[in-house]
C-alpha cells in the first residue's frame, strides 16, 4: 500500500456520518470550553488530533469517524446519504486549523481567546450536525466558483443548491 493510499480521503462520504461526527465535535468542544484551564489543553489536543486523523484519511483513522460510520449513523438511517468527500475534507482542515489555534491559545494561557475560537468552531459544527449545513462545503463551492479550487476537483460541489433537498438561497 502506497503512502498516497494510506492518506487517501474517500471520494464520497455518508452525510449522516459526517453530521454525527460534527455532533461529537460539538460535545468535545463544549466540554473543552467549560473545563478548567489545565484540562482544556488536553481536551483541545484531543480535538486537534481528531481533526488531523480525519484530514489524513477520513473516518478510517479517527475514533469519532469510526464511531459515527459504524455505530451512530446506521441508527440514524439505514440508507446512507452519499455526498462528495473533497468539501468535507476541506471542512475538516478548517476544523484542524481552528482547533490548533485554540490549543495554542490555551497553551499560552489565553483561555478566553481559546474558548472564543472554539465557540466559532462549535457554531459551524452545530450547523452541520443539526441543520445539515456544512460551512466548509459552502466555502469550498465559493472558492471553486472564483477559480481557487479547480472545477473538476468536485463537479457536484460547484453548485450545492442543485443537490436534492436543497433550495436556492441569496
N, C-alpha and C. Protein backbone atom coordinates (compact mmCIF):
# COMPACT_ATOMS: atom_id res chain seq x y z
N UNK A 1 0.85 -1.18 0.00
CA UNK A 1 0.00 0.00 0.00
C UNK A 1 0.89 1.24 0.00
N UNK A 2 0.64 2.13 -0.94
CA UNK A 2 1.45 3.33 -1.07
C UNK A 2 1.06 4.37 -0.01
N UNK A 3 1.94 5.33 0.18
CA UNK A 3 1.67 6.40 1.13
C UNK A 3 0.42 7.18 0.71
N UNK A 4 0.26 7.35 -0.60
CA UNK A 4 -0.92 8.05 -1.12
C UNK A 4 -2.21 7.31 -0.73
N UNK A 5 -2.18 5.99 -0.80
CA UNK A 5 -3.35 5.19 -0.43
C UNK A 5 -3.61 5.23 1.07
N UNK A 6 -2.55 5.28 1.86
CA UNK A 6 -2.69 5.35 3.31
C UNK A 6 -3.40 6.62 3.73
N UNK A 7 -3.10 7.72 3.03
CA UNK A 7 -3.69 9.01 3.38
C UNK A 7 -4.78 9.45 2.41
N UNK A 8 -5.40 8.50 1.72
CA UNK A 8 -6.47 8.83 0.78
C UNK A 8 -7.75 9.16 1.55
N UNK A 9 -8.42 10.20 1.11
CA UNK A 9 -9.70 10.59 1.67
C UNK A 9 -10.78 10.01 0.75
N UNK A 10 -11.86 9.49 1.29
CA UNK A 10 -12.90 8.91 0.42
C UNK A 10 -13.47 9.94 -0.56
N UNK A 11 -13.74 9.50 -1.79
CA UNK A 11 -14.34 10.39 -2.78
C UNK A 11 -15.76 10.76 -2.41
N UNK A 12 -16.46 9.85 -1.77
CA UNK A 12 -17.80 10.12 -1.26
C UNK A 12 -17.86 9.69 0.19
N UNK A 13 -18.67 10.40 0.95
CA UNK A 13 -18.85 10.09 2.37
C UNK A 13 -20.34 10.07 2.68
N UNK A 14 -20.68 9.39 3.75
CA UNK A 14 -22.06 9.34 4.22
C UNK A 14 -22.34 10.64 4.99
N UNK A 15 -23.25 11.43 4.48
CA UNK A 15 -23.57 12.72 5.11
C UNK A 15 -24.07 12.53 6.54
N UNK A 16 -24.81 11.45 6.78
CA UNK A 16 -25.30 11.20 8.14
C UNK A 16 -24.13 10.96 9.10
N UNK A 17 -23.12 10.24 8.64
CA UNK A 17 -21.94 10.01 9.48
C UNK A 17 -21.18 11.31 9.72
N UNK A 18 -21.08 12.14 8.67
CA UNK A 18 -20.41 13.44 8.83
C UNK A 18 -21.15 14.29 9.86
N UNK A 19 -22.47 14.28 9.80
CA UNK A 19 -23.26 15.06 10.76
C UNK A 19 -23.11 14.51 12.17
N UNK A 20 -23.05 13.19 12.31
CA UNK A 20 -22.85 12.58 13.63
C UNK A 20 -21.48 12.95 14.19
N UNK A 21 -20.47 12.91 13.33
CA UNK A 21 -19.12 13.31 13.75
C UNK A 21 -19.12 14.77 14.20
N UNK A 22 -19.81 15.62 13.47
CA UNK A 22 -19.91 17.04 13.86
C UNK A 22 -20.56 17.16 15.23
N UNK A 23 -21.56 16.35 15.51
CA UNK A 23 -22.19 16.37 16.84
C UNK A 23 -21.22 15.97 17.93
N UNK A 24 -20.38 14.98 17.65
CA UNK A 24 -19.37 14.58 18.63
C UNK A 24 -18.34 15.69 18.84
N UNK A 25 -17.99 16.38 17.76
CA UNK A 25 -17.05 17.51 17.85
C UNK A 25 -17.67 18.62 18.72
N UNK A 26 -18.95 18.90 18.52
CA UNK A 26 -19.63 19.91 19.33
C UNK A 26 -19.52 19.53 20.81
N UNK A 27 -19.80 18.28 21.12
CA UNK A 27 -19.75 17.81 22.51
C UNK A 27 -18.36 18.00 23.12
N UNK A 28 -17.33 17.57 22.40
CA UNK A 28 -15.96 17.70 22.92
C UNK A 28 -15.53 19.16 23.01
N UNK A 29 -15.90 19.97 22.03
CA UNK A 29 -15.50 21.38 22.04
C UNK A 29 -16.18 22.12 23.19
N UNK A 30 -17.46 21.84 23.43
CA UNK A 30 -18.16 22.49 24.55
C UNK A 30 -17.55 22.04 25.87
N UNK A 31 -17.24 20.76 26.00
CA UNK A 31 -16.58 20.26 27.21
C UNK A 31 -15.23 20.96 27.40
N UNK A 32 -14.53 21.21 26.32
CA UNK A 32 -13.23 21.90 26.38
C UNK A 32 -13.41 23.33 26.87
N UNK A 33 -14.40 24.01 26.33
CA UNK A 33 -14.66 25.40 26.74
C UNK A 33 -15.00 25.47 28.22
N UNK A 34 -15.78 24.51 28.71
CA UNK A 34 -16.24 24.54 30.11
C UNK A 34 -15.23 23.98 31.11
N UNK A 35 -14.22 23.30 30.62
CA UNK A 35 -13.23 22.66 31.50
C UNK A 35 -12.30 23.70 32.12
N UNK A 36 -11.70 23.36 33.29
CA UNK A 36 -10.69 24.25 33.87
C UNK A 36 -9.44 24.28 32.98
N UNK A 37 -8.67 25.37 33.06
CA UNK A 37 -7.51 25.55 32.16
C UNK A 37 -6.58 24.36 31.98
N UNK A 38 -6.16 23.66 33.01
CA UNK A 38 -5.23 22.55 32.72
C UNK A 38 -5.89 21.45 31.86
N UNK A 39 -7.15 21.19 32.09
CA UNK A 39 -7.87 20.16 31.35
C UNK A 39 -8.18 20.64 29.93
N UNK A 40 -8.38 21.95 29.76
CA UNK A 40 -8.65 22.50 28.43
C UNK A 40 -7.57 22.11 27.44
N UNK A 41 -6.34 22.16 27.88
CA UNK A 41 -5.22 21.84 26.98
C UNK A 41 -5.34 20.41 26.47
N UNK A 42 -5.62 19.47 27.35
CA UNK A 42 -5.71 18.07 26.95
C UNK A 42 -6.91 17.83 26.04
N UNK A 43 -8.04 18.44 26.36
CA UNK A 43 -9.23 18.26 25.52
C UNK A 43 -9.04 18.94 24.16
N UNK A 44 -8.42 20.11 24.16
CA UNK A 44 -8.14 20.79 22.89
C UNK A 44 -7.17 19.96 22.06
N UNK A 45 -6.20 19.34 22.71
CA UNK A 45 -5.26 18.48 21.99
C UNK A 45 -6.00 17.29 21.37
N UNK A 46 -6.97 16.74 22.08
CA UNK A 46 -7.77 15.64 21.54
C UNK A 46 -8.56 16.10 20.31
N UNK A 47 -9.08 17.32 20.34
CA UNK A 47 -9.77 17.88 19.18
C UNK A 47 -8.82 17.98 17.98
N UNK A 48 -7.63 18.51 18.23
CA UNK A 48 -6.63 18.67 17.16
C UNK A 48 -6.28 17.31 16.56
N UNK A 49 -6.01 16.34 17.39
CA UNK A 49 -5.64 15.01 16.91
C UNK A 49 -6.79 14.41 16.10
N UNK A 50 -8.02 14.55 16.59
CA UNK A 50 -9.17 14.02 15.86
C UNK A 50 -9.32 14.64 14.48
N UNK A 51 -9.19 15.96 14.41
CA UNK A 51 -9.27 16.62 13.10
C UNK A 51 -8.12 16.18 12.20
N UNK A 52 -6.92 16.07 12.75
CA UNK A 52 -5.76 15.65 11.95
C UNK A 52 -5.97 14.24 11.38
N UNK A 53 -6.50 13.36 12.19
CA UNK A 53 -6.77 11.99 11.73
C UNK A 53 -7.83 11.97 10.63
N UNK A 54 -8.87 12.81 10.78
CA UNK A 54 -9.92 12.84 9.75
C UNK A 54 -9.42 13.49 8.46
N UNK A 55 -8.57 14.50 8.57
CA UNK A 55 -7.98 15.11 7.37
C UNK A 55 -7.09 14.08 6.67
N UNK A 56 -6.34 13.31 7.45
CA UNK A 56 -5.40 12.35 6.90
C UNK A 56 -6.08 11.22 6.13
N UNK A 57 -7.22 10.75 6.61
CA UNK A 57 -7.82 9.59 5.94
C UNK A 57 -9.30 9.45 6.12
N UNK A 58 -9.99 10.55 6.35
CA UNK A 58 -11.43 10.46 6.55
C UNK A 58 -11.73 9.76 7.87
N UNK A 59 -12.79 8.98 7.91
CA UNK A 59 -13.17 8.34 9.17
C UNK A 59 -12.30 7.13 9.53
N UNK A 60 -11.47 6.69 8.59
CA UNK A 60 -10.68 5.46 8.77
C UNK A 60 -9.84 5.47 10.04
N UNK A 61 -9.18 6.57 10.36
CA UNK A 61 -8.25 6.61 11.49
C UNK A 61 -8.82 7.32 12.72
N UNK A 62 -9.93 7.98 12.57
CA UNK A 62 -10.49 8.80 13.64
C UNK A 62 -11.47 8.01 14.51
N UNK A 63 -11.28 8.03 15.83
CA UNK A 63 -12.28 7.36 16.71
C UNK A 63 -13.68 7.93 16.52
N UNK A 64 -13.81 9.26 16.42
CA UNK A 64 -15.13 9.86 16.19
C UNK A 64 -15.68 9.41 14.83
N UNK A 65 -14.83 9.37 13.82
CA UNK A 65 -15.27 8.94 12.49
C UNK A 65 -15.72 7.50 12.49
N UNK A 66 -14.96 6.63 13.11
CA UNK A 66 -15.32 5.21 13.17
C UNK A 66 -16.62 5.01 13.94
N UNK A 67 -16.76 5.69 15.07
CA UNK A 67 -17.98 5.59 15.86
C UNK A 67 -19.18 6.08 15.05
N UNK A 68 -19.02 7.17 14.35
CA UNK A 68 -20.11 7.72 13.54
C UNK A 68 -20.49 6.79 12.40
N UNK A 69 -19.50 6.30 11.65
CA UNK A 69 -19.76 5.46 10.49
C UNK A 69 -20.35 4.11 10.88
N UNK A 70 -19.79 3.49 11.91
CA UNK A 70 -20.15 2.11 12.22
C UNK A 70 -21.22 1.94 13.29
N UNK A 71 -21.44 2.96 14.12
CA UNK A 71 -22.39 2.80 15.21
C UNK A 71 -23.55 3.80 15.14
N UNK A 72 -23.24 5.08 15.09
CA UNK A 72 -24.30 6.09 15.21
C UNK A 72 -25.09 6.28 13.91
N UNK A 73 -24.41 6.53 12.80
CA UNK A 73 -25.11 6.81 11.53
C UNK A 73 -26.04 5.68 11.09
N UNK A 74 -25.66 4.41 11.24
CA UNK A 74 -26.61 3.35 10.85
C UNK A 74 -27.89 3.36 11.68
N UNK A 75 -27.84 3.94 12.88
CA UNK A 75 -29.04 4.04 13.71
C UNK A 75 -29.88 5.26 13.31
N UNK A 76 -29.22 6.24 12.68
CA UNK A 76 -29.93 7.43 12.19
C UNK A 76 -30.69 7.07 10.93
N UNK A 77 -30.03 6.38 10.00
CA UNK A 77 -30.65 5.96 8.75
C UNK A 77 -29.94 4.73 8.22
N UNK A 78 -30.73 3.73 7.85
CA UNK A 78 -30.13 2.50 7.32
C UNK A 78 -29.62 2.71 5.89
N UNK A 79 -30.10 3.77 5.23
CA UNK A 79 -29.66 4.09 3.88
C UNK A 79 -28.72 5.30 3.94
N UNK A 80 -27.45 5.12 3.56
CA UNK A 80 -26.54 6.27 3.62
C UNK A 80 -26.91 7.34 2.59
N UNK A 81 -26.61 8.57 2.93
CA UNK A 81 -26.79 9.70 2.01
C UNK A 81 -25.38 10.10 1.58
N UNK A 82 -25.01 9.74 0.36
CA UNK A 82 -23.64 9.95 -0.10
C UNK A 82 -23.47 11.37 -0.66
N UNK A 83 -22.39 12.01 -0.22
CA UNK A 83 -22.02 13.35 -0.69
C UNK A 83 -20.53 13.35 -1.03
N UNK A 84 -20.11 14.35 -1.77
CA UNK A 84 -18.71 14.47 -2.18
C UNK A 84 -17.78 14.58 -0.96
N UNK A 85 -16.65 13.88 -1.04
CA UNK A 85 -15.70 13.89 0.06
C UNK A 85 -14.79 15.10 0.11
N UNK A 86 -14.44 15.67 -1.05
CA UNK A 86 -13.49 16.79 -1.09
C UNK A 86 -13.91 17.98 -0.23
N UNK A 87 -15.16 18.43 -0.30
CA UNK A 87 -15.54 19.55 0.56
C UNK A 87 -15.53 19.20 2.04
N UNK A 88 -15.83 17.94 2.35
CA UNK A 88 -15.81 17.51 3.76
C UNK A 88 -14.37 17.52 4.28
N UNK A 89 -13.42 17.12 3.43
CA UNK A 89 -12.02 17.17 3.85
C UNK A 89 -11.59 18.62 4.05
N UNK A 90 -12.03 19.50 3.18
CA UNK A 90 -11.74 20.92 3.32
C UNK A 90 -12.30 21.44 4.65
N UNK A 91 -13.53 21.05 4.98
CA UNK A 91 -14.14 21.46 6.24
C UNK A 91 -13.35 20.91 7.44
N UNK A 92 -12.90 19.66 7.35
CA UNK A 92 -12.10 19.08 8.43
C UNK A 92 -10.77 19.83 8.58
N UNK A 93 -10.21 20.28 7.47
CA UNK A 93 -8.96 21.04 7.52
C UNK A 93 -9.18 22.38 8.23
N UNK A 94 -10.30 23.02 7.96
CA UNK A 94 -10.62 24.26 8.67
C UNK A 94 -10.76 23.98 10.16
N UNK A 95 -11.41 22.88 10.50
CA UNK A 95 -11.53 22.49 11.91
C UNK A 95 -10.17 22.22 12.54
N UNK A 96 -9.27 21.61 11.78
CA UNK A 96 -7.91 21.36 12.27
C UNK A 96 -7.19 22.68 12.56
N UNK A 97 -7.31 23.63 11.66
CA UNK A 97 -6.66 24.93 11.86
C UNK A 97 -7.25 25.63 13.08
N UNK A 98 -8.57 25.66 13.17
CA UNK A 98 -9.21 26.37 14.29
C UNK A 98 -8.90 25.72 15.63
N UNK A 99 -8.96 24.39 15.68
CA UNK A 99 -8.67 23.72 16.95
C UNK A 99 -7.19 23.87 17.32
N UNK A 100 -6.31 23.91 16.32
CA UNK A 100 -4.88 24.14 16.58
C UNK A 100 -4.64 25.54 17.14
N UNK A 101 -5.32 26.52 16.57
CA UNK A 101 -5.21 27.89 17.09
C UNK A 101 -5.71 27.94 18.53
N UNK A 102 -6.84 27.29 18.80
CA UNK A 102 -7.39 27.27 20.16
C UNK A 102 -6.40 26.60 21.12
N UNK A 103 -5.82 25.48 20.71
CA UNK A 103 -4.83 24.79 21.55
C UNK A 103 -3.65 25.71 21.84
N UNK A 104 -3.16 26.39 20.81
CA UNK A 104 -2.04 27.33 21.02
C UNK A 104 -2.41 28.43 22.01
N UNK A 105 -3.62 28.93 21.91
CA UNK A 105 -4.08 29.98 22.84
C UNK A 105 -4.17 29.43 24.26
N UNK A 106 -4.71 28.22 24.41
CA UNK A 106 -4.79 27.61 25.74
C UNK A 106 -3.39 27.38 26.32
N UNK A 107 -2.46 26.93 25.48
CA UNK A 107 -1.08 26.72 25.95
C UNK A 107 -0.41 28.03 26.36
N UNK A 108 -0.80 29.12 25.71
CA UNK A 108 -0.24 30.44 26.03
C UNK A 108 -0.93 31.07 27.24
N UNK A 109 -1.89 30.36 27.81
CA UNK A 109 -2.60 30.89 28.97
C UNK A 109 -3.72 31.84 28.61
N UNK A 110 -4.10 31.87 27.35
CA UNK A 110 -5.17 32.77 26.89
C UNK A 110 -6.46 31.96 26.73
N UNK A 111 -6.98 31.50 27.87
CA UNK A 111 -8.13 30.61 27.86
C UNK A 111 -9.37 31.24 27.25
N UNK A 112 -9.60 32.51 27.53
CA UNK A 112 -10.79 33.17 26.98
C UNK A 112 -10.72 33.24 25.46
N UNK A 113 -9.57 33.60 24.93
CA UNK A 113 -9.40 33.67 23.48
C UNK A 113 -9.55 32.28 22.86
N UNK A 114 -8.99 31.27 23.49
CA UNK A 114 -9.15 29.90 23.00
C UNK A 114 -10.60 29.46 23.01
N UNK A 115 -11.31 29.83 24.06
CA UNK A 115 -12.74 29.49 24.15
C UNK A 115 -13.55 30.19 23.06
N UNK A 116 -13.18 31.41 22.72
CA UNK A 116 -13.88 32.14 21.65
C UNK A 116 -13.66 31.43 20.32
N UNK A 117 -12.43 31.03 20.04
CA UNK A 117 -12.14 30.31 18.78
C UNK A 117 -12.93 29.01 18.75
N UNK A 118 -12.96 28.29 19.86
CA UNK A 118 -13.74 27.05 19.90
C UNK A 118 -15.23 27.34 19.79
N UNK A 119 -15.68 28.48 20.29
CA UNK A 119 -17.09 28.86 20.15
C UNK A 119 -17.49 28.98 18.68
N UNK A 120 -16.60 29.56 17.88
CA UNK A 120 -16.85 29.67 16.44
C UNK A 120 -16.89 28.27 15.81
N UNK A 121 -15.96 27.42 16.23
CA UNK A 121 -15.94 26.04 15.75
C UNK A 121 -17.23 25.31 16.13
N UNK A 122 -17.69 25.52 17.35
CA UNK A 122 -18.94 24.91 17.81
C UNK A 122 -20.11 25.36 16.93
N UNK A 123 -20.16 26.64 16.63
CA UNK A 123 -21.26 27.16 15.79
C UNK A 123 -21.26 26.48 14.42
N UNK A 124 -20.09 26.34 13.81
CA UNK A 124 -20.00 25.71 12.49
C UNK A 124 -20.35 24.22 12.57
N UNK A 125 -19.83 23.53 13.57
CA UNK A 125 -20.11 22.10 13.72
C UNK A 125 -21.58 21.86 14.07
N UNK A 126 -22.16 22.76 14.85
CA UNK A 126 -23.57 22.63 15.21
C UNK A 126 -24.46 22.84 13.98
N UNK A 127 -24.09 23.76 13.11
CA UNK A 127 -24.84 23.96 11.87
C UNK A 127 -24.83 22.69 11.02
N UNK A 128 -23.68 22.02 10.98
CA UNK A 128 -23.56 20.76 10.24
C UNK A 128 -24.39 19.67 10.91
N UNK A 129 -24.22 19.51 12.23
CA UNK A 129 -24.89 18.43 12.94
C UNK A 129 -26.40 18.59 12.96
N UNK A 130 -26.87 19.78 13.28
CA UNK A 130 -28.31 19.98 13.48
C UNK A 130 -29.06 20.34 12.20
N UNK A 131 -28.42 21.10 11.32
CA UNK A 131 -29.12 21.62 10.14
C UNK A 131 -28.66 21.00 8.83
N UNK A 132 -27.55 20.29 8.86
CA UNK A 132 -27.00 19.72 7.63
C UNK A 132 -26.34 20.76 6.75
N UNK A 133 -26.02 21.92 7.31
CA UNK A 133 -25.33 22.97 6.55
C UNK A 133 -23.86 22.93 6.89
N UNK A 134 -23.05 22.55 5.92
CA UNK A 134 -21.60 22.46 6.11
C UNK A 134 -20.97 23.76 5.63
N UNK A 135 -20.53 24.57 6.56
CA UNK A 135 -19.91 25.86 6.22
C UNK A 135 -18.67 25.67 5.37
N UNK A 136 -17.86 24.67 5.68
CA UNK A 136 -16.66 24.39 4.89
C UNK A 136 -17.02 24.00 3.46
N UNK A 137 -18.10 23.23 3.29
CA UNK A 137 -18.55 22.84 1.95
C UNK A 137 -19.04 24.06 1.18
N UNK A 138 -19.71 24.94 1.86
CA UNK A 138 -20.21 26.18 1.25
C UNK A 138 -19.03 27.04 0.79
N UNK A 139 -18.02 27.18 1.66
CA UNK A 139 -16.81 27.92 1.30
C UNK A 139 -16.09 27.25 0.13
N UNK A 140 -16.03 25.95 0.13
CA UNK A 140 -15.38 25.19 -0.94
C UNK A 140 -16.06 25.50 -2.28
N UNK A 141 -17.37 25.49 -2.29
CA UNK A 141 -18.12 25.80 -3.53
C UNK A 141 -17.83 27.22 -4.02
N UNK A 142 -17.75 28.18 -3.08
CA UNK A 142 -17.44 29.56 -3.47
C UNK A 142 -16.01 29.68 -4.00
N UNK A 143 -15.08 28.99 -3.38
CA UNK A 143 -13.70 29.01 -3.87
C UNK A 143 -13.61 28.37 -5.25
N UNK A 144 -14.46 27.39 -5.50
CA UNK A 144 -14.50 26.77 -6.82
C UNK A 144 -15.01 27.77 -7.86
N UNK A 145 -16.05 28.50 -7.49
CA UNK A 145 -16.63 29.48 -8.44
C UNK A 145 -15.66 30.57 -8.83
N UNK A 146 -14.79 30.98 -7.90
CA UNK A 146 -13.84 32.05 -8.22
C UNK A 146 -12.51 31.52 -8.77
N UNK A 147 -12.41 30.20 -8.91
CA UNK A 147 -11.24 29.61 -9.55
C UNK A 147 -10.10 29.24 -8.62
N UNK A 148 -10.27 29.37 -7.31
CA UNK A 148 -9.22 28.98 -6.38
C UNK A 148 -9.11 27.46 -6.32
N UNK A 149 -10.27 26.79 -6.38
CA UNK A 149 -10.33 25.34 -6.41
C UNK A 149 -10.75 24.94 -7.82
N UNK A 150 -10.06 23.98 -8.39
CA UNK A 150 -10.36 23.52 -9.75
C UNK A 150 -11.80 23.01 -9.86
N UNK A 151 -12.48 23.38 -10.95
CA UNK A 151 -13.86 22.94 -11.16
C UNK A 151 -13.99 21.43 -11.21
N UNK A 152 -12.98 20.75 -11.75
CA UNK A 152 -13.10 19.31 -11.88
C UNK A 152 -12.73 18.55 -10.60
N UNK A 153 -12.31 19.26 -9.56
CA UNK A 153 -11.98 18.57 -8.32
C UNK A 153 -13.24 18.04 -7.64
N UNK A 154 -14.36 18.66 -7.90
CA UNK A 154 -15.63 18.17 -7.36
C UNK A 154 -16.75 18.84 -8.13
N UNK A 155 -17.23 18.18 -9.15
CA UNK A 155 -18.26 18.75 -10.02
C UNK A 155 -19.53 19.02 -9.22
N UNK A 156 -19.92 18.09 -8.36
CA UNK A 156 -21.14 18.25 -7.56
C UNK A 156 -21.04 19.46 -6.64
N UNK A 157 -19.84 19.81 -6.24
CA UNK A 157 -19.65 20.88 -5.27
C UNK A 157 -19.84 22.27 -5.87
N UNK A 158 -19.70 22.39 -7.17
CA UNK A 158 -19.77 23.70 -7.81
C UNK A 158 -21.10 24.38 -7.54
N UNK A 159 -22.18 23.61 -7.40
CA UNK A 159 -23.49 24.19 -7.10
C UNK A 159 -24.18 23.34 -6.04
N UNK A 160 -23.93 23.66 -4.77
CA UNK A 160 -24.51 22.85 -3.70
C UNK A 160 -26.03 22.96 -3.67
N UNK A 161 -26.59 24.03 -4.23
CA UNK A 161 -28.05 24.19 -4.20
C UNK A 161 -28.73 23.31 -5.24
N UNK A 162 -27.97 22.71 -6.14
CA UNK A 162 -28.55 21.82 -7.14
C UNK A 162 -28.77 20.41 -6.57
N UNK A 163 -28.29 20.16 -5.37
CA UNK A 163 -28.45 18.85 -4.77
C UNK A 163 -29.91 18.62 -4.38
N UNK A 164 -30.33 17.37 -4.37
CA UNK A 164 -31.70 17.07 -3.94
C UNK A 164 -31.94 17.55 -2.51
N UNK A 165 -33.08 18.16 -2.29
CA UNK A 165 -33.45 18.64 -0.97
C UNK A 165 -32.95 20.03 -0.64
N UNK A 166 -32.15 20.63 -1.50
CA UNK A 166 -31.63 21.97 -1.24
C UNK A 166 -32.45 22.98 -2.04
N UNK A 167 -32.61 24.16 -1.48
CA UNK A 167 -33.32 25.22 -2.19
C UNK A 167 -32.37 26.39 -2.38
N UNK A 168 -32.55 27.11 -3.46
CA UNK A 168 -31.67 28.27 -3.75
C UNK A 168 -31.83 29.33 -2.71
N UNK A 169 -30.70 29.91 -2.33
CA UNK A 169 -30.67 31.00 -1.34
C UNK A 169 -29.85 32.14 -1.89
N UNK A 170 -30.16 33.33 -1.48
CA UNK A 170 -29.40 34.50 -1.95
C UNK A 170 -28.21 34.74 -1.06
